Amino acid sequence: MTAITPSFLSDHFAALVGVLSRELTMLERLAFKLTEAQLLVRADEFRFLGAMIDEIDAVEEDLGTFEVARAMLVADITLALGIRGGDLSLRELIPYAPTDLLDHLVGLLPWLAERIEELDGLRRDGSDVIVARIDELRLAVDDLQRRGQDQSGARRGYAGESAARAR
């Protein structure tokens, strides 16, 4: 087993700050991609939507990797501090952070919370936009079907009248 030293904790906190910084970057990228997807839907550019969904999935997959790394680092730090019975939240780790990393850690937390809140809003808004567009498309398809039925009935009637006249 690795000896728990101040250096061990410092290294793990430094890694945690790095992971949180990358996680913040990925959250910002995800917000950008979700905004792009909304703009595509609003502009009726559905041909690009599949590619955009693939890009969003790739960012979410990368984000998931950083979330796992963060969870592992928090678990290691919690264990190194001798705290049993569960991991501490990031806010609960602040008192244990080395002085040289404290400002970085404290500074990242509000940004992460804001990005997560922004993403929740974008997902809600995006869902509303997509549902509205699907409803519009459904109405348009229904209208086209109705017109097609009306025209096919009119054609049959016209052809029937022509045949009756020919007799």
N, C-alpha and C. Protein backbone atom coordinates (compact mmCIF):
# COMPACT_ATOMS: atom_id res chain seq x y z
N MET A 1 0.83 -1.18 0.00
CA MET A 1 0.00 0.00 0.00
C MET A 1 0.88 1.25 0.00
N THR A 2 0.44 2.26 -0.69
CA THR A 2 1.18 3.52 -0.78
C THR A 2 1.09 4.26 0.54
N ALA A 3 2.21 4.80 0.98
CA ALA A 3 2.22 5.60 2.21
C ALA A 3 1.50 6.92 1.96
N ILE A 4 0.67 7.31 2.92
CA ILE A 4 -0.07 8.55 2.81
C ILE A 4 0.81 9.67 3.37
N THR A 5 1.30 10.49 2.49
CA THR A 5 2.18 11.59 2.88
C THR A 5 1.55 12.90 2.44
N PRO A 6 2.05 14.01 2.97
CA PRO A 6 1.55 15.30 2.48
C PRO A 6 1.74 15.43 0.96
N SER A 7 2.81 14.85 0.46
CA SER A 7 3.07 14.88 -0.98
C SER A 7 1.99 14.11 -1.74
N PHE A 8 1.60 12.95 -1.18
CA PHE A 8 0.53 12.14 -1.79
C PHE A 8 -0.75 12.97 -1.89
N LEU A 9 -1.14 13.60 -0.80
CA LEU A 9 -2.35 14.43 -0.80
C LEU A 9 -2.22 15.61 -1.76
N SER A 10 -1.08 16.25 -1.75
CA SER A 10 -0.86 17.40 -2.62
C SER A 10 -0.95 16.98 -4.09
N ASP A 11 -0.33 15.86 -4.41
CA ASP A 11 -0.38 15.36 -5.79
C ASP A 11 -1.81 15.02 -6.21
N HIS A 12 -2.56 14.40 -5.31
CA HIS A 12 -3.94 14.04 -5.63
C HIS A 12 -4.83 15.28 -5.75
N PHE A 13 -4.62 16.25 -4.89
CA PHE A 13 -5.38 17.49 -5.01
C PHE A 13 -5.02 18.22 -6.31
N ALA A 14 -3.74 18.21 -6.68
CA ALA A 14 -3.31 18.84 -7.95
C ALA A 14 -3.97 18.12 -9.13
N ALA A 15 -4.00 16.80 -9.07
CA ALA A 15 -4.67 16.03 -10.13
C ALA A 15 -6.16 16.34 -10.15
N LEU A 16 -6.77 16.48 -8.98
CA LEU A 16 -8.19 16.80 -8.89
C LEU A 16 -8.49 18.17 -9.52
N VAL A 17 -7.65 19.16 -9.23
CA VAL A 17 -7.83 20.48 -9.83
C VAL A 17 -7.70 20.39 -11.35
N GLY A 18 -6.75 19.60 -11.83
CA GLY A 18 -6.58 19.41 -13.27
C GLY A 18 -7.80 18.76 -13.91
N VAL A 19 -8.31 17.73 -13.26
CA VAL A 19 -9.49 17.03 -13.77
C VAL A 19 -10.70 17.97 -13.76
N LEU A 20 -10.86 18.74 -12.70
CA LEU A 20 -11.98 19.68 -12.63
C LEU A 20 -11.88 20.75 -13.72
N SER A 21 -10.66 21.19 -14.00
CA SER A 21 -10.46 22.18 -15.08
C SER A 21 -10.86 21.59 -16.43
N ARG A 22 -10.46 20.37 -16.69
CA ARG A 22 -10.83 19.69 -17.95
C ARG A 22 -12.33 19.43 -17.99
N GLU A 23 -12.89 19.07 -16.86
CA GLU A 23 -14.34 18.84 -16.78
C GLU A 23 -15.10 20.13 -17.11
N LEU A 24 -14.61 21.25 -16.60
CA LEU A 24 -15.22 22.54 -16.90
C LEU A 24 -15.15 22.84 -18.40
N THR A 25 -14.00 22.57 -19.00
CA THR A 25 -13.84 22.76 -20.44
C THR A 25 -14.82 21.89 -21.22
N MET A 26 -14.99 20.65 -20.78
CA MET A 26 -15.91 19.74 -21.47
C MET A 26 -17.36 20.19 -21.29
N LEU A 27 -17.70 20.71 -20.11
CA LEU A 27 -19.06 21.22 -19.89
C LEU A 27 -19.34 22.42 -20.80
N GLU A 28 -18.34 23.29 -20.95
CA GLU A 28 -18.50 24.43 -21.85
C GLU A 28 -18.66 23.97 -23.29
N ARG A 29 -17.89 22.97 -23.67
CA ARG A 29 -18.00 22.43 -25.03
C ARG A 29 -19.37 21.79 -25.25
N LEU A 30 -19.86 21.09 -24.25
CA LEU A 30 -21.18 20.48 -24.36
C LEU A 30 -22.26 21.55 -24.50
N ALA A 31 -22.14 22.63 -23.74
CA ALA A 31 -23.10 23.75 -23.86
C ALA A 31 -23.06 24.32 -25.26
N PHE A 32 -21.88 24.46 -25.83
CA PHE A 32 -21.74 24.96 -27.19
C PHE A 32 -22.41 24.03 -28.18
N LYS A 33 -22.18 22.74 -28.05
CA LYS A 33 -22.76 21.75 -28.98
C LYS A 33 -24.28 21.71 -28.87
N LEU A 34 -24.80 21.80 -27.65
CA LEU A 34 -26.26 21.81 -27.47
C LEU A 34 -26.87 23.07 -28.07
N THR A 35 -26.18 24.19 -27.94
CA THR A 35 -26.66 25.44 -28.54
C THR A 35 -26.64 25.32 -30.06
N GLU A 36 -25.58 24.74 -30.60
CA GLU A 36 -25.52 24.51 -32.06
C GLU A 36 -26.68 23.63 -32.52
N ALA A 37 -26.97 22.59 -31.77
CA ALA A 37 -28.06 21.69 -32.15
C ALA A 37 -29.39 22.43 -32.16
N GLN A 38 -29.61 23.28 -31.15
CA GLN A 38 -30.86 24.07 -31.13
C GLN A 38 -30.95 24.98 -32.34
N LEU A 39 -29.84 25.61 -32.69
CA LEU A 39 -29.84 26.51 -33.85
C LEU A 39 -30.12 25.74 -35.14
N LEU A 40 -29.57 24.54 -35.26
CA LEU A 40 -29.84 23.72 -36.43
C LEU A 40 -31.32 23.36 -36.53
N VAL A 41 -31.90 23.00 -35.41
CA VAL A 41 -33.32 22.63 -35.41
C VAL A 41 -34.17 23.84 -35.77
N ARG A 42 -33.87 24.99 -35.16
CA ARG A 42 -34.65 26.20 -35.45
C ARG A 42 -34.51 26.63 -36.90
N ALA A 43 -33.36 26.33 -37.52
CA ALA A 43 -33.12 26.70 -38.91
C ALA A 43 -33.59 25.62 -39.88
N ASP A 44 -34.24 24.59 -39.38
CA ASP A 44 -34.72 23.48 -40.20
C ASP A 44 -33.59 22.78 -40.97
N GLU A 45 -32.41 22.74 -40.39
CA GLU A 45 -31.26 22.07 -41.00
C GLU A 45 -31.11 20.67 -40.40
N PHE A 46 -32.11 19.85 -40.62
CA PHE A 46 -32.14 18.53 -40.01
C PHE A 46 -31.09 17.58 -40.60
N ARG A 47 -30.60 17.88 -41.78
CA ARG A 47 -29.61 17.00 -42.41
C ARG A 47 -28.31 16.95 -41.60
N PHE A 48 -28.04 18.00 -40.82
CA PHE A 48 -26.82 18.05 -40.01
C PHE A 48 -27.05 17.55 -38.59
N LEU A 49 -28.28 17.28 -38.24
CA LEU A 49 -28.60 16.93 -36.86
C LEU A 49 -27.96 15.62 -36.42
N GLY A 50 -27.89 14.66 -37.30
CA GLY A 50 -27.25 13.37 -36.95
C GLY A 50 -25.79 13.55 -36.58
N ALA A 51 -25.08 14.34 -37.37
CA ALA A 51 -23.66 14.61 -37.07
C ALA A 51 -23.53 15.37 -35.75
N MET A 52 -24.45 16.30 -35.51
CA MET A 52 -24.40 17.07 -34.27
C MET A 52 -24.65 16.17 -33.06
N ILE A 53 -25.58 15.25 -33.19
CA ILE A 53 -25.87 14.32 -32.10
C ILE A 53 -24.65 13.45 -31.82
N ASP A 54 -23.95 13.03 -32.89
CA ASP A 54 -22.72 12.26 -32.69
C ASP A 54 -21.67 13.07 -31.94
N GLU A 55 -21.55 14.36 -32.28
CA GLU A 55 -20.60 15.22 -31.59
C GLU A 55 -20.97 15.40 -30.12
N ILE A 56 -22.25 15.56 -29.85
CA ILE A 56 -22.72 15.71 -28.46
C ILE A 56 -22.42 14.43 -27.69
N ASP A 57 -22.69 13.28 -28.31
CA ASP A 57 -22.39 12.00 -27.65
C ASP A 57 -20.90 11.86 -27.34
N ALA A 58 -20.05 12.30 -28.27
CA ALA A 58 -18.59 12.20 -28.06
C ALA A 58 -18.16 13.08 -26.89
N VAL A 59 -18.71 14.29 -26.82
CA VAL A 59 -18.37 15.18 -25.71
C VAL A 59 -18.86 14.60 -24.39
N GLU A 60 -20.09 14.04 -24.39
CA GLU A 60 -20.62 13.44 -23.17
C GLU A 60 -19.79 12.24 -22.73
N GLU A 61 -19.29 11.48 -23.70
CA GLU A 61 -18.43 10.34 -23.37
C GLU A 61 -17.12 10.82 -22.74
N ASP A 62 -16.51 11.86 -23.33
CA ASP A 62 -15.29 12.43 -22.75
C ASP A 62 -15.57 12.97 -21.34
N LEU A 63 -16.69 13.63 -21.20
CA LEU A 63 -17.07 14.18 -19.90
C LEU A 63 -17.23 13.06 -18.87
N GLY A 64 -17.81 11.96 -19.28
CA GLY A 64 -17.96 10.81 -18.39
C GLY A 64 -16.63 10.27 -17.91
N THR A 65 -15.63 10.29 -18.77
CA THR A 65 -14.29 9.85 -18.40
C THR A 65 -13.73 10.74 -17.29
N PHE A 66 -13.92 12.05 -17.43
CA PHE A 66 -13.43 12.97 -16.40
C PHE A 66 -14.23 12.84 -15.11
N GLU A 67 -15.51 12.53 -15.21
CA GLU A 67 -16.31 12.32 -14.01
C GLU A 67 -15.83 11.11 -13.23
N VAL A 68 -15.46 10.05 -13.94
CA VAL A 68 -14.92 8.85 -13.29
C VAL A 68 -13.59 9.17 -12.63
N ALA A 69 -12.73 9.89 -13.34
CA ALA A 69 -11.43 10.27 -12.78
C ALA A 69 -11.62 11.12 -11.53
N ARG A 70 -12.56 12.07 -11.59
CA ARG A 70 -12.83 12.91 -10.42
C ARG A 70 -13.29 12.07 -9.24
N ALA A 71 -14.22 11.15 -9.48
CA ALA A 71 -14.74 10.31 -8.41
C ALA A 71 -13.63 9.45 -7.79
N MET A 72 -12.74 8.94 -8.63
CA MET A 72 -11.64 8.13 -8.11
C MET A 72 -10.68 8.96 -7.27
N LEU A 73 -10.39 10.17 -7.73
CA LEU A 73 -9.49 11.04 -6.96
C LEU A 73 -10.11 11.44 -5.63
N VAL A 74 -11.39 11.77 -5.65
CA VAL A 74 -12.08 12.14 -4.41
C VAL A 74 -12.07 10.94 -3.44
N ALA A 75 -12.31 9.75 -3.97
CA ALA A 75 -12.29 8.55 -3.12
C ALA A 75 -10.90 8.33 -2.54
N ASP A 76 -9.86 8.49 -3.35
CA ASP A 76 -8.49 8.33 -2.86
C ASP A 76 -8.16 9.36 -1.78
N ILE A 77 -8.54 10.61 -2.02
CA ILE A 77 -8.27 11.66 -1.04
C ILE A 77 -9.03 11.39 0.26
N THR A 78 -10.29 11.00 0.13
CA THR A 78 -11.10 10.71 1.31
C THR A 78 -10.48 9.57 2.12
N LEU A 79 -10.07 8.54 1.42
CA LEU A 79 -9.43 7.40 2.08
C LEU A 79 -8.12 7.82 2.74
N ALA A 80 -7.33 8.63 2.03
CA ALA A 80 -6.05 9.10 2.57
C ALA A 80 -6.25 9.95 3.82
N LEU A 81 -7.35 10.67 3.87
CA LEU A 81 -7.64 11.50 5.04
C LEU A 81 -8.20 10.67 6.20
N GLY A 82 -8.47 9.40 5.93
CA GLY A 82 -8.98 8.52 6.98
C GLY A 82 -10.47 8.68 7.23
N ILE A 83 -11.18 9.24 6.28
CA ILE A 83 -12.62 9.45 6.44
C ILE A 83 -13.34 8.23 5.87
N ARG A 84 -14.06 7.58 6.71
CA ARG A 84 -14.79 6.36 6.31
C ARG A 84 -16.27 6.67 6.13
N GLY A 85 -16.94 5.79 5.41
CA GLY A 85 -18.39 5.90 5.29
C GLY A 85 -18.86 6.74 4.12
N GLY A 86 -18.02 6.93 3.14
CA GLY A 86 -18.47 7.64 1.95
C GLY A 86 -17.53 8.76 1.56
N ASP A 87 -17.66 9.15 0.34
CA ASP A 87 -16.82 10.22 -0.19
C ASP A 87 -17.35 11.58 0.24
N LEU A 88 -16.44 12.50 0.35
CA LEU A 88 -16.82 13.87 0.64
C LEU A 88 -17.20 14.57 -0.66
N SER A 89 -18.02 15.59 -0.55
CA SER A 89 -18.30 16.41 -1.73
C SER A 89 -17.08 17.29 -1.99
N LEU A 90 -17.06 17.91 -3.14
CA LEU A 90 -15.94 18.80 -3.45
C LEU A 90 -15.86 19.95 -2.44
N ARG A 91 -17.00 20.49 -2.05
CA ARG A 91 -17.01 21.57 -1.06
C ARG A 91 -16.47 21.09 0.30
N GLU A 92 -16.78 19.85 0.64
CA GLU A 92 -16.31 19.31 1.92
C GLU A 92 -14.80 19.03 1.90
N LEU A 93 -14.21 18.92 0.71
CA LEU A 93 -12.78 18.69 0.60
C LEU A 93 -11.96 19.98 0.77
N ILE A 94 -12.60 21.13 0.59
CA ILE A 94 -11.88 22.41 0.61
C ILE A 94 -11.01 22.59 1.86
N PRO A 95 -11.50 22.30 3.05
CA PRO A 95 -10.64 22.51 4.23
C PRO A 95 -9.36 21.66 4.23
N TYR A 96 -9.35 20.59 3.47
CA TYR A 96 -8.20 19.69 3.44
C TYR A 96 -7.24 20.01 2.30
N ALA A 97 -7.60 20.92 1.43
CA ALA A 97 -6.78 21.23 0.26
C ALA A 97 -5.49 21.94 0.66
N PRO A 98 -4.40 21.60 -0.02
CA PRO A 98 -3.15 22.32 0.23
C PRO A 98 -3.32 23.81 -0.10
N THR A 99 -2.64 24.63 0.64
CA THR A 99 -2.78 26.08 0.52
C THR A 99 -2.53 26.56 -0.91
N ASP A 100 -1.53 25.99 -1.57
CA ASP A 100 -1.19 26.46 -2.92
C ASP A 100 -2.25 26.09 -3.96
N LEU A 101 -3.14 25.15 -3.66
CA LEU A 101 -4.20 24.75 -4.60
C LEU A 101 -5.59 25.23 -4.19
N LEU A 102 -5.67 25.80 -3.01
CA LEU A 102 -6.96 26.18 -2.45
C LEU A 102 -7.71 27.17 -3.35
N ASP A 103 -7.03 28.22 -3.81
CA ASP A 103 -7.69 29.21 -4.66
C ASP A 103 -8.20 28.60 -5.95
N HIS A 104 -7.42 27.70 -6.53
CA HIS A 104 -7.84 27.04 -7.77
C HIS A 104 -9.09 26.20 -7.55
N LEU A 105 -9.06 25.43 -6.49
CA LEU A 105 -10.19 24.55 -6.18
C LEU A 105 -11.45 25.37 -5.89
N VAL A 106 -11.31 26.36 -5.02
CA VAL A 106 -12.46 27.20 -4.66
C VAL A 106 -12.97 27.96 -5.88
N GLY A 107 -12.07 28.40 -6.74
CA GLY A 107 -12.47 29.15 -7.93
C GLY A 107 -13.21 28.32 -8.96
N LEU A 108 -12.89 27.05 -9.05
CA LEU A 108 -13.52 26.17 -10.04
C LEU A 108 -14.96 25.81 -9.68
N LEU A 109 -15.25 25.67 -8.41
CA LEU A 109 -16.56 25.15 -7.99
C LEU A 109 -17.74 26.00 -8.48
N PRO A 110 -17.71 27.34 -8.35
CA PRO A 110 -18.86 28.11 -8.86
C PRO A 110 -19.00 28.01 -10.38
N TRP A 111 -17.86 27.96 -11.07
CA TRP A 111 -17.93 27.84 -12.53
C TRP A 111 -18.55 26.51 -12.94
N LEU A 112 -18.17 25.44 -12.25
CA LEU A 112 -18.75 24.13 -12.54
C LEU A 112 -20.26 24.14 -12.27
N ALA A 113 -20.66 24.72 -11.15
CA ALA A 113 -22.09 24.78 -10.82
C ALA A 113 -22.86 25.59 -11.86
N GLU A 114 -22.29 26.70 -12.32
CA GLU A 114 -22.95 27.52 -13.34
C GLU A 114 -23.09 26.77 -14.66
N ARG A 115 -22.03 26.05 -15.07
CA ARG A 115 -22.09 25.31 -16.33
C ARG A 115 -23.15 24.20 -16.24
N ILE A 116 -23.21 23.54 -15.10
CA ILE A 116 -24.20 22.46 -14.95
C ILE A 116 -25.61 23.03 -15.00
N GLU A 117 -25.82 24.16 -14.36
CA GLU A 117 -27.14 24.82 -14.41
C GLU A 117 -27.46 25.26 -15.83
N GLU A 118 -26.47 25.80 -16.52
CA GLU A 118 -26.66 26.22 -17.92
C GLU A 118 -27.04 25.03 -18.79
N LEU A 119 -26.37 23.90 -18.59
CA LEU A 119 -26.66 22.71 -19.37
C LEU A 119 -28.07 22.20 -19.10
N ASP A 120 -28.50 22.24 -17.86
CA ASP A 120 -29.87 21.83 -17.54
C ASP A 120 -30.87 22.69 -18.30
N GLY A 121 -30.63 24.00 -18.33
CA GLY A 121 -31.50 24.91 -19.07
C GLY A 121 -31.46 24.65 -20.56
N LEU A 122 -30.28 24.42 -21.11
CA LEU A 122 -30.15 24.14 -22.54
C LEU A 122 -30.87 22.85 -22.92
N ARG A 123 -30.76 21.86 -22.07
CA ARG A 123 -31.44 20.59 -22.37
C ARG A 123 -32.96 20.76 -22.32
N ARG A 124 -33.44 21.52 -21.33
CA ARG A 124 -34.88 21.79 -21.28
C ARG A 124 -35.33 22.57 -22.50
N ASP A 125 -34.62 23.65 -22.81
CA ASP A 125 -34.97 24.48 -23.96
C ASP A 125 -34.86 23.69 -25.26
N GLY A 126 -33.79 22.91 -25.37
CA GLY A 126 -33.59 22.09 -26.57
C GLY A 126 -34.70 21.09 -26.73
N SER A 127 -35.12 20.48 -25.65
CA SER A 127 -36.22 19.52 -25.72
C SER A 127 -37.49 20.20 -26.18
N ASP A 128 -37.74 21.39 -25.65
CA ASP A 128 -38.94 22.14 -26.06
C ASP A 128 -38.90 22.50 -27.54
N VAL A 129 -37.73 22.93 -28.02
CA VAL A 129 -37.58 23.29 -29.43
C VAL A 129 -37.79 22.07 -30.30
N ILE A 130 -37.18 20.96 -29.93
CA ILE A 130 -37.29 19.74 -30.74
C ILE A 130 -38.72 19.22 -30.73
N VAL A 131 -39.38 19.22 -29.58
CA VAL A 131 -40.77 18.77 -29.51
C VAL A 131 -41.66 19.67 -30.38
N ALA A 132 -41.44 20.97 -30.31
CA ALA A 132 -42.23 21.90 -31.13
C ALA A 132 -42.01 21.63 -32.62
N ARG A 133 -40.75 21.38 -33.03
CA ARG A 133 -40.45 21.11 -34.44
C ARG A 133 -41.07 19.78 -34.86
N ILE A 134 -41.03 18.78 -33.99
CA ILE A 134 -41.64 17.49 -34.32
C ILE A 134 -43.15 17.66 -34.50
N ASP A 135 -43.77 18.44 -33.62
CA ASP A 135 -45.21 18.70 -33.75
C ASP A 135 -45.52 19.40 -35.07
N GLU A 136 -44.68 20.39 -35.44
CA GLU A 136 -44.88 21.08 -36.72
C GLU A 136 -44.73 20.11 -37.89
N LEU A 137 -43.72 19.26 -37.83
CA LEU A 137 -43.51 18.28 -38.90
C LEU A 137 -44.68 17.29 -38.98
N ARG A 138 -45.16 16.86 -37.82
CA ARG A 138 -46.29 15.93 -37.79
C ARG A 138 -47.52 16.56 -38.43
N LEU A 139 -47.78 17.83 -38.11
CA LEU A 139 -48.91 18.54 -38.72
C LEU A 139 -48.73 18.67 -40.22
N ALA A 140 -47.51 18.97 -40.65
CA ALA A 140 -47.24 19.10 -42.08
C ALA A 140 -47.45 17.77 -42.80
N VAL A 141 -46.99 16.68 -42.19
CA VAL A 141 -47.18 15.36 -42.80
C VAL A 141 -48.66 15.02 -42.85
N ASP A 142 -49.39 15.29 -41.78
CA ASP A 142 -50.83 15.04 -41.76
C ASP A 142 -51.52 15.84 -42.86
N ASP A 143 -51.11 17.09 -43.01
CA ASP A 143 -51.69 17.94 -44.05
C ASP A 143 -51.40 17.39 -45.44
N LEU A 144 -50.17 16.95 -45.66
CA LEU A 144 -49.81 16.37 -46.96
C LEU A 144 -50.61 15.09 -47.22
N GLN A 145 -50.78 14.26 -46.21
CA GLN A 145 -51.57 13.04 -46.38
C GLN A 145 -53.01 13.37 -46.71
N ARG A 146 -53.54 14.36 -46.00
CA ARG A 146 -54.92 14.77 -46.25
C ARG A 146 -55.07 15.30 -47.67
N ARG A 147 -54.13 16.12 -48.11
CA ARG A 147 -54.17 16.64 -49.48
C ARG A 147 -54.05 15.53 -50.50
N GLY A 148 -53.14 14.57 -50.21
CA GLY A 148 -52.97 13.44 -51.11
C GLY A 148 -54.24 12.63 -51.23
N GLN A 149 -54.94 12.43 -50.13
CA GLN A 149 -56.21 11.69 -50.16
C GLN A 149 -57.26 12.49 -50.92
N ASP A 150 -57.30 13.80 -50.69
CA ASP A 150 -58.27 14.64 -51.40
C ASP A 150 -58.00 14.62 -52.89
N GLN A 151 -56.74 14.70 -53.28
CA GLN A 151 -56.41 14.72 -54.70
C GLN A 151 -56.65 13.36 -55.34
N SER A 152 -56.34 12.28 -54.63
CA SER A 152 -56.58 10.97 -55.22
C SER A 152 -58.07 10.72 -55.36
N GLY A 153 -58.86 11.22 -54.43
CA GLY A 153 -60.32 11.10 -54.56
C GLY A 153 -60.83 11.94 -55.69
N ALA A 154 -60.29 13.12 -55.85
CA ALA A 154 -60.71 14.01 -56.94
C ALA A 154 -60.31 13.41 -58.28
N ARG A 155 -59.13 12.81 -58.34
CA ARG A 155 -58.70 12.19 -59.59
C ARG A 155 -59.62 11.03 -59.95
N ARG A 156 -59.97 10.23 -58.93
CA ARG A 156 -60.87 9.11 -59.21
C ARG A 156 -62.22 9.63 -59.70
N GLY A 157 -62.69 10.66 -59.04
CA GLY A 157 -63.96 11.23 -59.45
C GLY A 157 -63.89 11.81 -60.86
N TYR A 158 -62.80 12.46 -61.18
CA TYR A 158 -62.63 13.05 -62.50
C TYR A 158 -62.57 11.95 -63.55
N ALA A 159 -61.78 10.90 -63.26
CA ALA A 159 -61.66 9.80 -64.19
C ALA A 159 -62.99 9.09 -64.35
N GLY A 160 -63.73 8.95 -63.27
CA GLY A 160 -65.05 8.31 -63.34
C GLY A 160 -66.01 9.13 -64.18
N GLU A 161 -65.98 10.45 -64.05
CA GLU A 161 -66.84 11.30 -64.83
C GLU A 161 -66.50 11.22 -66.31
N SER A 162 -65.20 11.16 -66.60
CA SER A 162 -64.76 11.08 -67.99
C SER A 162 -65.23 9.76 -68.59
N ALA A 163 -65.15 8.70 -67.83
CA ALA A 163 -65.58 7.40 -68.34
C ALA A 163 -67.08 7.40 -68.55
N ALA A 164 -67.84 8.04 -67.66
CA ALA A 164 -69.30 8.09 -67.80
C ALA A 164 -69.66 8.90 -69.03
N ARG A 165 -68.97 9.98 -69.30
CA ARG A 165 -69.24 10.80 -70.48
C ARG A 165 -68.93 10.05 -71.75
N ALA A 166 -67.88 9.23 -71.70
CA ALA A 166 -67.48 8.51 -72.90
C ALA A 166 -68.51 7.46 -73.26
N ARG A 167 -69.32 7.00 -72.31
CA ARG A 167 -70.32 5.98 -72.62
C ARG A 167 -71.43 6.63 -73.29
